[in-house]
Amino acid sequence: IKVGILHSLSGTMAISETTLKDVMLMLIDEQNKKGG
């Protein structure tokens, strides 16, 4: 099941948004460890 992550990783908003990409990867990883 594909989950889109749409956050600025460069440019003026990267200071805030990169962290949100990282937390989504953490949450998805955690869910996959539970069996998806």
Full PDB file with SEQRES, HELIX, SHEET, SSBOND, CRYST1, ORIGX, SCALE, CONECT and MASTER records, all heavy atoms in Angstrom:
SEQRES   1 A   36  ILE LYS VAL GLY ILE LEU HIS SER LEU SER GLY THR MET          
SEQRES   2 A   36  ALA ILE SER GLU THR THR LEU LYS ASP VAL MET LEU MET          
SEQRES   3 A   36  LEU ILE ASP GLU GLN ASN LYS LYS GLY GLY                      
HELIX    1 AA1 ALA A   14  LYS A   33  1                                  20    
CRYST1    1.000    1.000    1.000  90.00  90.00  90.00 P 1           1          
ORIGX1      1.000000  0.000000  0.000000        0.00000                         
ORIGX2      0.000000  1.000000  0.000000        0.00000                         
ORIGX3      0.000000  0.000000  1.000000        0.00000                         
SCALE1      1.000000  0.000000  0.000000        0.00000                         
SCALE2      0.000000  1.000000  0.000000        0.00000                         
SCALE3      0.000000  0.000000  1.000000        0.00000                         
ATOM      1  N   ILE A   1       0.874  -1.171   0.000  1.00  0.00           N  
ATOM      2  CA  ILE A   1       0.000   0.000   0.000  1.00  0.00           C  
ATOM      3  C   ILE A   1       0.912   1.223   0.000  1.00  0.00           C  
ATOM      4  O   ILE A   1       1.718   1.412   0.911  1.00  0.00           O  
ATOM      5  CB  ILE A   1      -0.913   0.012   1.238  1.00  0.00           C  
ATOM      6  CG1 ILE A   1      -1.872  -1.183   1.203  1.00  0.00           C  
ATOM      7  CG2 ILE A   1      -1.700   1.323   1.316  1.00  0.00           C  
ATOM      8  CD1 ILE A   1      -2.662  -1.379   2.488  1.00  0.00           C  
ATOM      9  N   LYS A   2       0.810   2.030  -1.031  1.00  0.00           N  
ATOM     10  CA  LYS A   2       1.702   3.175  -1.167  1.00  0.00           C  
ATOM     11  C   LYS A   2       1.160   4.391  -0.403  1.00  0.00           C  
ATOM     12  O   LYS A   2      -0.028   4.704  -0.482  1.00  0.00           O  
ATOM     13  CB  LYS A   2       1.903   3.521  -2.641  1.00  0.00           C  
ATOM     14  CG  LYS A   2       2.721   2.479  -3.401  1.00  0.00           C  
ATOM     15  CD  LYS A   2       2.961   2.901  -4.832  1.00  0.00           C  
ATOM     16  CE  LYS A   2       3.829   1.891  -5.571  1.00  0.00           C  
ATOM     17  NZ  LYS A   2       4.071   2.306  -6.958  1.00  0.00           N  
ATOM     18  N   VAL A   3       2.076   5.043   0.303  1.00  0.00           N  
ATOM     19  CA  VAL A   3       1.729   6.230   1.090  1.00  0.00           C  
ATOM     20  C   VAL A   3       2.597   7.392   0.604  1.00  0.00           C  
ATOM     21  O   VAL A   3       3.829   7.319   0.644  1.00  0.00           O  
ATOM     22  CB  VAL A   3       1.967   5.991   2.596  1.00  0.00           C  
ATOM     23  CG1 VAL A   3       1.618   7.257   3.389  1.00  0.00           C  
ATOM     24  CG2 VAL A   3       1.152   4.797   3.087  1.00  0.00           C  
ATOM     25  N   GLY A   4       1.969   8.468   0.152  1.00  0.00           N  
ATOM     26  CA  GLY A   4       2.695   9.623  -0.353  1.00  0.00           C  
ATOM     27  C   GLY A   4       3.180  10.533   0.773  1.00  0.00           C  
ATOM     28  O   GLY A   4       2.464  10.776   1.745  1.00  0.00           O  
ATOM     29  N   ILE A   5       4.402  11.037   0.648  1.00  0.00           N  
ATOM     30  CA  ILE A   5       4.970  12.008   1.585  1.00  0.00           C  
ATOM     31  C   ILE A   5       5.367  13.238   0.778  1.00  0.00           C  
ATOM     32  O   ILE A   5       6.310  13.214  -0.010  1.00  0.00           O  
ATOM     33  CB  ILE A   5       6.178  11.420   2.343  1.00  0.00           C  
ATOM     34  CG1 ILE A   5       5.745  10.169   3.123  1.00  0.00           C  
ATOM     35  CG2 ILE A   5       6.772  12.462   3.294  1.00  0.00           C  
ATOM     36  CD1 ILE A   5       6.888   9.405   3.770  1.00  0.00           C  
ATOM     37  N   LEU A   6       4.634  14.318   0.977  1.00  0.00           N  
ATOM     38  CA  LEU A   6       4.731  15.521   0.141  1.00  0.00           C  
ATOM     39  C   LEU A   6       5.238  16.696   0.982  1.00  0.00           C  
ATOM     40  O   LEU A   6       4.482  17.565   1.402  1.00  0.00           O  
ATOM     41  CB  LEU A   6       3.352  15.825  -0.469  1.00  0.00           C  
ATOM     42  CG  LEU A   6       3.225  16.991  -1.449  1.00  0.00           C  
ATOM     43  CD1 LEU A   6       3.980  16.744  -2.733  1.00  0.00           C  
ATOM     44  CD2 LEU A   6       1.738  17.249  -1.753  1.00  0.00           C  
ATOM     45  N   HIS A   7       6.532  16.710   1.241  1.00  0.00           N  
ATOM     46  CA  HIS A   7       7.128  17.756   2.068  1.00  0.00           C  
ATOM     47  C   HIS A   7       8.379  18.331   1.413  1.00  0.00           C  
ATOM     48  O   HIS A   7       9.148  17.589   0.785  1.00  0.00           O  
ATOM     49  CB  HIS A   7       7.478  17.223   3.458  1.00  0.00           C  
ATOM     50  CG  HIS A   7       6.294  17.108   4.365  1.00  0.00           C  
ATOM     51  ND1 HIS A   7       5.527  18.206   4.722  1.00  0.00           N  
ATOM     52  CD2 HIS A   7       5.741  16.034   4.994  1.00  0.00           C  
ATOM     53  CE1 HIS A   7       4.550  17.807   5.534  1.00  0.00           C  
ATOM     54  NE2 HIS A   7       4.653  16.508   5.716  1.00  0.00           N  
ATOM     55  N   SER A   8       8.589  19.642   1.610  1.00  0.00           N  
ATOM     56  CA  SER A   8       9.771  20.309   1.063  1.00  0.00           C  
ATOM     57  C   SER A   8      11.033  19.837   1.784  1.00  0.00           C  
ATOM     58  O   SER A   8      11.160  20.014   2.995  1.00  0.00           O  
ATOM     59  CB  SER A   8       9.643  21.834   1.201  1.00  0.00           C  
ATOM     60  OG  SER A   8       8.589  22.317   0.396  1.00  0.00           O  
ATOM     61  N   LEU A   9      11.953  19.268   1.016  1.00  0.00           N  
ATOM     62  CA  LEU A   9      13.226  18.809   1.561  1.00  0.00           C  
ATOM     63  C   LEU A   9      14.362  19.739   1.159  1.00  0.00           C  
ATOM     64  O   LEU A   9      15.514  19.518   1.505  1.00  0.00           O  
ATOM     65  CB  LEU A   9      13.509  17.371   1.090  1.00  0.00           C  
ATOM     66  CG  LEU A   9      12.344  16.375   1.283  1.00  0.00           C  
ATOM     67  CD1 LEU A   9      12.716  15.005   0.769  1.00  0.00           C  
ATOM     68  CD2 LEU A   9      11.906  16.319   2.740  1.00  0.00           C  
ATOM     69  N   SER A  10      14.011  20.779   0.416  1.00  0.00           N  
ATOM     70  CA  SER A  10      14.952  21.819   0.021  1.00  0.00           C  
ATOM     71  C   SER A  10      14.195  23.141  -0.083  1.00  0.00           C  
ATOM     72  O   SER A  10      12.968  23.167  -0.075  1.00  0.00           O  
ATOM     73  CB  SER A  10      15.630  21.475  -1.318  1.00  0.00           C  
ATOM     74  OG  SER A  10      14.653  21.267  -2.334  1.00  0.00           O  
ATOM     75  N   GLY A  11      14.924  24.247  -0.142  1.00  0.00           N  
ATOM     76  CA  GLY A  11      14.282  25.554  -0.209  1.00  0.00           C  
ATOM     77  C   GLY A  11      13.985  26.116   1.167  1.00  0.00           C  
ATOM     78  O   GLY A  11      14.352  25.547   2.200  1.00  0.00           O  
ATOM     79  N   THR A  12      13.250  27.227   1.197  1.00  0.00           N  
ATOM     80  CA  THR A  12      13.057  28.000   2.419  1.00  0.00           C  
ATOM     81  C   THR A  12      12.292  27.257   3.513  1.00  0.00           C  
ATOM     82  O   THR A  12      12.442  27.558   4.689  1.00  0.00           O  
ATOM     83  CB  THR A  12      12.350  29.340   2.091  1.00  0.00           C  
ATOM     84  OG1 THR A  12      12.272  30.132   3.266  1.00  0.00           O  
ATOM     85  CG2 THR A  12      10.926  29.117   1.593  1.00  0.00           C  
ATOM     86  N   MET A  13      11.449  26.281   3.153  1.00  0.00           N  
ATOM     87  CA  MET A  13      10.650  25.553   4.141  1.00  0.00           C  
ATOM     88  C   MET A  13      11.275  24.242   4.598  1.00  0.00           C  
ATOM     89  O   MET A  13      10.722  23.556   5.464  1.00  0.00           O  
ATOM     90  CB  MET A  13       9.247  25.280   3.586  1.00  0.00           C  
ATOM     91  CG  MET A  13       8.359  26.501   3.469  1.00  0.00           C  
ATOM     92  SD  MET A  13       8.221  27.438   5.023  1.00  0.00           S  
ATOM     93  CE  MET A  13       7.564  26.195   6.130  1.00  0.00           C  
ATOM     94  N   ALA A  14      12.443  23.887   4.056  1.00  0.00           N  
ATOM     95  CA  ALA A  14      13.086  22.621   4.426  1.00  0.00           C  
ATOM     96  C   ALA A  14      13.412  22.566   5.918  1.00  0.00           C  
ATOM     97  O   ALA A  14      13.384  21.494   6.528  1.00  0.00           O  
ATOM     98  CB  ALA A  14      14.348  22.410   3.601  1.00  0.00           C  
ATOM     99  N   ILE A  15      13.702  23.717   6.538  1.00  0.00           N  
ATOM    100  CA  ILE A  15      14.023  23.792   7.957  1.00  0.00           C  
ATOM    101  C   ILE A  15      12.915  23.164   8.806  1.00  0.00           C  
ATOM    102  O   ILE A  15      13.178  22.555   9.842  1.00  0.00           O  
ATOM    103  CB  ILE A  15      14.267  25.269   8.383  1.00  0.00           C  
ATOM    104  CG1 ILE A  15      14.695  25.360   9.854  1.00  0.00           C  
ATOM    105  CG2 ILE A  15      13.020  26.118   8.156  1.00  0.00           C  
ATOM    106  CD1 ILE A  15      15.077  26.792  10.293  1.00  0.00           C  
ATOM    107  N   SER A  16      11.690  23.279   8.356  1.00  0.00           N  
ATOM    108  CA  SER A  16      10.548  22.748   9.099  1.00  0.00           C  
ATOM    109  C   SER A  16      10.058  21.393   8.574  1.00  0.00           C  
ATOM    110  O   SER A  16       9.701  20.499   9.343  1.00  0.00           O  
ATOM    111  CB  SER A  16       9.389  23.746   9.056  1.00  0.00           C  
ATOM    112  OG  SER A  16       9.762  24.990   9.634  1.00  0.00           O  
ATOM    113  N   GLU A  17      10.050  21.239   7.250  1.00  0.00           N  
ATOM    114  CA  GLU A  17       9.349  20.106   6.655  1.00  0.00           C  
ATOM    115  C   GLU A  17      10.132  18.805   6.593  1.00  0.00           C  
ATOM    116  O   GLU A  17       9.551  17.725   6.545  1.00  0.00           O  
ATOM    117  CB  GLU A  17       8.842  20.478   5.252  1.00  0.00           C  
ATOM    118  CG  GLU A  17       7.759  21.551   5.270  1.00  0.00           C  
ATOM    119  CD  GLU A  17       7.044  21.704   3.947  1.00  0.00           C  
ATOM    120  OE1 GLU A  17       6.394  20.756   3.495  1.00  0.00           O  
ATOM    121  OE2 GLU A  17       7.143  22.793   3.354  1.00  0.00           O  
ATOM    122  N   THR A  18      11.466  18.886   6.580  1.00  0.00           N  
ATOM    123  CA  THR A  18      12.267  17.661   6.498  1.00  0.00           C  
ATOM    124  C   THR A  18      11.946  16.724   7.665  1.00  0.00           C  
ATOM    125  O   THR A  18      11.866  15.503   7.499  1.00  0.00           O  
ATOM    126  CB  THR A  18      13.769  18.005   6.470  1.00  0.00           C  
ATOM    127  OG1 THR A  18      14.033  18.822   5.326  1.00  0.00           O  
ATOM    128  CG2 THR A  18      14.615  16.747   6.392  1.00  0.00           C  
ATOM    129  N   THR A  19      11.746  17.299   8.836  1.00  0.00           N  
ATOM    130  CA  THR A  19      11.415  16.507  10.019  1.00  0.00           C  
ATOM    131  C   THR A  19      10.111  15.739   9.832  1.00  0.00           C  
ATOM    132  O   THR A  19       9.969  14.612  10.314  1.00  0.00           O  
ATOM    133  CB  THR A  19      11.329  17.412  11.262  1.00  0.00           C  
ATOM    134  OG1 THR A  19      12.635  17.894  11.548  1.00  0.00           O  
ATOM    135  CG2 THR A  19      10.804  16.668  12.472  1.00  0.00           C  
ATOM    136  N   LEU A  20       9.152  16.346   9.123  1.00  0.00           N  
ATOM    137  CA  LEU A  20       7.868  15.678   8.917  1.00  0.00           C  
ATOM    138  C   LEU A  20       8.005  14.483   7.975  1.00  0.00           C  
ATOM    139  O   LEU A  20       7.319  13.482   8.130  1.00  0.00           O  
ATOM    140  CB  LEU A  20       6.830  16.668   8.388  1.00  0.00           C  
ATOM    141  CG  LEU A  20       6.503  17.828   9.336  1.00  0.00           C  
ATOM    142  CD1 LEU A  20       5.259  18.571   8.861  1.00  0.00           C  
ATOM    143  CD2 LEU A  20       6.290  17.329  10.753  1.00  0.00           C  
ATOM    144  N   LYS A  21       8.900  14.588   7.007  1.00  0.00           N  
ATOM    145  CA  LYS A  21       9.208  13.425   6.163  1.00  0.00           C  
ATOM    146  C   LYS A  21       9.782  12.306   7.014  1.00  0.00           C  
ATOM    147  O   LYS A  21       9.399  11.141   6.902  1.00  0.00           O  
ATOM    148  CB  LYS A  21      10.176  13.858   5.046  1.00  0.00           C  
ATOM    149  CG  LYS A  21      10.662  12.713   4.161  1.00  0.00           C  
ATOM    150  CD  LYS A  21      11.981  12.091   4.609  1.00  0.00           C  
ATOM    151  CE  LYS A  21      13.127  13.068   4.512  1.00  0.00           C  
ATOM    152  NZ  LYS A  21      14.430  12.432   4.901  1.00  0.00           N  
ATOM    153  N   ASP A  22      10.710  12.680   7.909  1.00  0.00           N  
ATOM    154  CA  ASP A  22      11.376  11.675   8.755  1.00  0.00           C  
ATOM    155  C   ASP A  22      10.386  10.984   9.689  1.00  0.00           C  
ATOM    156  O   ASP A  22      10.454   9.762   9.875  1.00  0.00           O  
ATOM    157  CB  ASP A  22      12.497  12.318   9.573  1.00  0.00           C  
ATOM    158  CG  ASP A  22      13.674  12.766   8.720  1.00  0.00           C  
ATOM    159  OD1 ASP A  22      13.807  12.266   7.577  1.00  0.00           O  
ATOM    160  OD2 ASP A  22      14.458  13.629   9.180  1.00  0.00           O  
ATOM    161  N   VAL A  23       9.471  11.745  10.287  1.00  0.00           N  
ATOM    162  CA  VAL A  23       8.530  11.126  11.221  1.00  0.00           C  
ATOM    163  C   VAL A  23       7.565  10.200  10.485  1.00  0.00           C  
ATOM    164  O   VAL A  23       7.172   9.159  11.018  1.00  0.00           O  
ATOM    165  CB  VAL A  23       7.779  12.172  12.080  1.00  0.00           C  
ATOM    166  CG1 VAL A  23       6.623  12.827  11.329  1.00  0.00           C  
ATOM    167  CG2 VAL A  23       7.249  11.520  13.350  1.00  0.00           C  
ATOM    168  N   MET A  24       7.206  10.561   9.247  1.00  0.00           N  
ATOM    169  CA  MET A  24       6.348   9.667   8.464  1.00  0.00           C  
ATOM    170  C   MET A  24       7.056   8.346   8.156  1.00  0.00           C  
ATOM    171  O   MET A  24       6.443   7.273   8.215  1.00  0.00           O  
ATOM    172  CB  MET A  24       5.905  10.346   7.171  1.00  0.00           C  
ATOM    173  CG  MET A  24       4.809  11.385   7.345  1.00  0.00           C  
ATOM    174  SD  MET A  24       3.343  10.758   8.225  1.00  0.00           S  
ATOM    175  CE  MET A  24       2.914   9.322   7.199  1.00  0.00           C  
ATOM    176  N   LEU A  25       8.336   8.424   7.846  1.00  0.00           N  
ATOM    177  CA  LEU A  25       9.100   7.190   7.606  1.00  0.00           C  
ATOM    178  C   LEU A  25       9.144   6.337   8.867  1.00  0.00           C  
ATOM    179  O   LEU A  25       9.054   5.110   8.803  1.00  0.00           O  
ATOM    180  CB  LEU A  25      10.524   7.527   7.133  1.00  0.00           C  
ATOM    181  CG  LEU A  25      10.634   8.194   5.748  1.00  0.00           C  
ATOM    182  CD1 LEU A  25      12.092   8.528   5.428  1.00  0.00           C  
ATOM    183  CD2 LEU A  25      10.042   7.313   4.657  1.00  0.00           C  
ATOM    184  N   MET A  26       9.266   6.996  10.026  1.00  0.00           N  
ATOM    185  CA  MET A  26       9.265   6.265  11.297  1.00  0.00           C  
ATOM    186  C   MET A  26       7.916   5.578  11.536  1.00  0.00           C  
ATOM    187  O   MET A  26       7.862   4.399  11.910  1.00  0.00           O  
ATOM    188  CB  MET A  26       9.577   7.218  12.450  1.00  0.00           C  
ATOM    189  CG  MET A  26       9.592   6.531  13.807  1.00  0.00           C  
ATOM    190  SD  MET A  26       9.775   7.685  15.199  1.00  0.00           S  
ATOM    191  CE  MET A  26       8.044   8.162  15.463  1.00  0.00           C  
ATOM    192  N   LEU A  27       6.832   6.300  11.318  1.00  0.00           N  
ATOM    193  CA  LEU A  27       5.494   5.752  11.566  1.00  0.00           C  
ATOM    194  C   LEU A  27       5.195   4.584  10.620  1.00  0.00           C  
ATOM    195  O   LEU A  27       4.609   3.574  11.030  1.00  0.00           O  
ATOM    196  CB  LEU A  27       4.442   6.851  11.394  1.00  0.00           C  
ATOM    197  CG  LEU A  27       4.480   7.974  12.447  1.00  0.00           C  
ATOM    198  CD1 LEU A  27       3.617   9.151  12.000  1.00  0.00           C  
ATOM    199  CD2 LEU A  27       4.031   7.466  13.809  1.00  0.00           C  
ATOM    200  N   ILE A  28       5.599   4.728   9.368  1.00  0.00           N  
ATOM    201  CA  ILE A  28       5.385   3.654   8.387  1.00  0.00           C  
ATOM    202  C   ILE A  28       6.217   2.429   8.751  1.00  0.00           C  
ATOM    203  O   ILE A  28       5.738   1.289   8.700  1.00  0.00           O  
ATOM    204  CB  ILE A  28       5.712   4.168   6.965  1.00  0.00           C  
ATOM    205  CG1 ILE A  28       4.619   5.148   6.509  1.00  0.00           C  
ATOM    206  CG2 ILE A  28       5.844   3.011   5.972  1.00  0.00           C  
ATOM    207  CD1 ILE A  28       4.968   5.921   5.252  1.00  0.00           C  
ATOM    208  N   ASP A  29       7.468   2.666   9.141  1.00  0.00           N  
ATOM    209  CA  ASP A  29       8.349   1.564   9.563  1.00  0.00           C  
ATOM    210  C   ASP A  29       7.757   0.826  10.754  1.00  0.00           C  
ATOM    211  O   ASP A  29       7.749  -0.412  10.800  1.00  0.00           O  
ATOM    212  CB  ASP A  29       9.739   2.132   9.900  1.00  0.00           C  
ATOM    213  CG  ASP A  29      10.727   1.056  10.325  1.00  0.00           C  
ATOM    214  OD1 ASP A  29      11.060   0.216   9.476  1.00  0.00           O  
ATOM    215  OD2 ASP A  29      11.160   1.062  11.505  1.00  0.00           O  
ATOM    216  N   GLU A  30       7.251   1.590  11.710  1.00  0.00           N  
ATOM    217  CA  GLU A  30       6.650   1.010  12.911  1.00  0.00           C  
ATOM    218  C   GLU A  30       5.417   0.169  12.560  1.00  0.00           C  
ATOM    219  O   GLU A  30       5.230  -0.933  13.082  1.00  0.00           O  
ATOM    220  CB  GLU A  30       6.272   2.137  13.861  1.00  0.00           C  
ATOM    221  CG  GLU A  30       5.886   1.686  15.257  1.00  0.00           C  
ATOM    222  CD  GLU A  30       5.524   2.848  16.164  1.00  0.00           C  
ATOM    223  OE1 GLU A  30       5.317   3.972  15.664  1.00  0.00           O  
ATOM    224  OE2 GLU A  30       5.428   2.644  17.359  1.00  0.00           O  
ATOM    225  N   GLN A  31       4.575   0.694  11.656  1.00  0.00           N  
ATOM    226  CA  GLN A  31       3.377  -0.044  11.248  1.00  0.00           C  
ATOM    227  C   GLN A  31       3.754  -1.325  10.519  1.00  0.00           C  
ATOM    228  O   GLN A  31       3.108  -2.369  10.714  1.00  0.00           O  
ATOM    229  CB  GLN A  31       2.499   0.840  10.357  1.00  0.00           C  
ATOM    230  CG  GLN A  31       1.143   0.237  10.019  1.00  0.00           C  
ATOM    231  CD  GLN A  31       0.233   0.073  11.222  1.00  0.00           C  
ATOM    232  OE1 GLN A  31       0.284   0.860  12.169  1.00  0.00           O  
ATOM    233  NE2 GLN A  31      -0.621  -0.946  11.193  1.00  0.00           N  
ATOM    234  N   ASN A  32       4.778  -1.254   9.696  1.00  0.00           N  
ATOM    235  CA  ASN A  32       5.228  -2.461   8.979  1.00  0.00           C  
ATOM    236  C   ASN A  32       5.747  -3.528   9.936  1.00  0.00           C  
ATOM    237  O   ASN A  32       5.555  -4.725   9.715  1.00  0.00           O  
ATOM    238  CB  ASN A  32       6.298  -2.096   7.946  1.00  0.00           C  
ATOM    239  CG  ASN A  32       5.694  -1.495   6.682  1.00  0.00           C  
ATOM    240  OD1 ASN A  32       4.525  -1.730   6.366  1.00  0.00           O  
ATOM    241  ND2 ASN A  32       6.487  -0.717   5.946  1.00  0.00           N  
ATOM    242  N   LYS A  33       6.395  -3.111  11.021  1.00  0.00           N  
ATOM    243  CA  LYS A  33       6.873  -4.067  12.029  1.00  0.00           C  
ATOM    244  C   LYS A  33       5.705  -4.740  12.745  1.00  0.00           C  
ATOM    245  O   LYS A  33       5.853  -5.837  13.288  1.00  0.00           O  
ATOM    246  CB  LYS A  33       7.793  -3.358  13.026  1.00  0.00           C  
ATOM    247  CG  LYS A  33       9.174  -3.045  12.451  1.00  0.00           C  
ATOM    248  CD  LYS A  33      10.012  -2.239  13.419  1.00  0.00           C  
ATOM    249  CE  LYS A  33      11.395  -1.947  12.826  1.00  0.00           C  
ATOM    250  NZ  LYS A  33      12.167  -1.011  13.687  1.00  0.00           N  
ATOM    251  N   LYS A  34       4.561  -4.048  12.770  1.00  0.00           N  
ATOM    252  CA  LYS A  34       3.350  -4.635  13.372  1.00  0.00           C  
ATOM    253  C   LYS A  34       2.624  -5.569  12.393  1.00  0.00           C  
ATOM    254  O   LYS A  34       1.591  -6.137  12.728  1.00  0.00           O  
ATOM    255  CB  LYS A  34       2.379  -3.524  13.784  1.00  0.00           C  
ATOM    256  CG  LYS A  34       2.865  -2.623  14.902  1.00  0.00           C  
ATOM    257  CD  LYS A  34       1.842  -1.525  15.142  1.00  0.00           C  
ATOM    258  CE  LYS A  34       2.294  -0.492  16.152  1.00  0.00           C  
ATOM    259  NZ  LYS A  34       1.333   0.648  16.245  1.00  0.00           N  
ATOM    260  N   GLY A  35       3.133  -5.691  11.174  1.00  0.00           N  
ATOM    261  CA  GLY A  35       2.484  -6.548  10.178  1.00  0.00           C  
ATOM    262  C   GLY A  35       1.859  -5.799   9.025  1.00  0.00           C  
ATOM    263  O   GLY A  35       1.178  -6.382   8.183  1.00  0.00           O  
ATOM    264  N   GLY A  36       2.071  -4.479   8.980  1.00  0.00           N  
ATOM    265  CA  GLY A  36       1.531  -3.683   7.878  1.00  0.00           C  
ATOM    266  C   GLY A  36       0.068  -3.334   8.078  1.00  0.00           C  
ATOM    267  O   GLY A  36      -0.409  -3.185   9.202  1.00  0.00           O  
TER     268      GLY A  36                                                      
MASTER        0    0    0    1    0    0    0    6  267    1    0    3          
END                                                                             
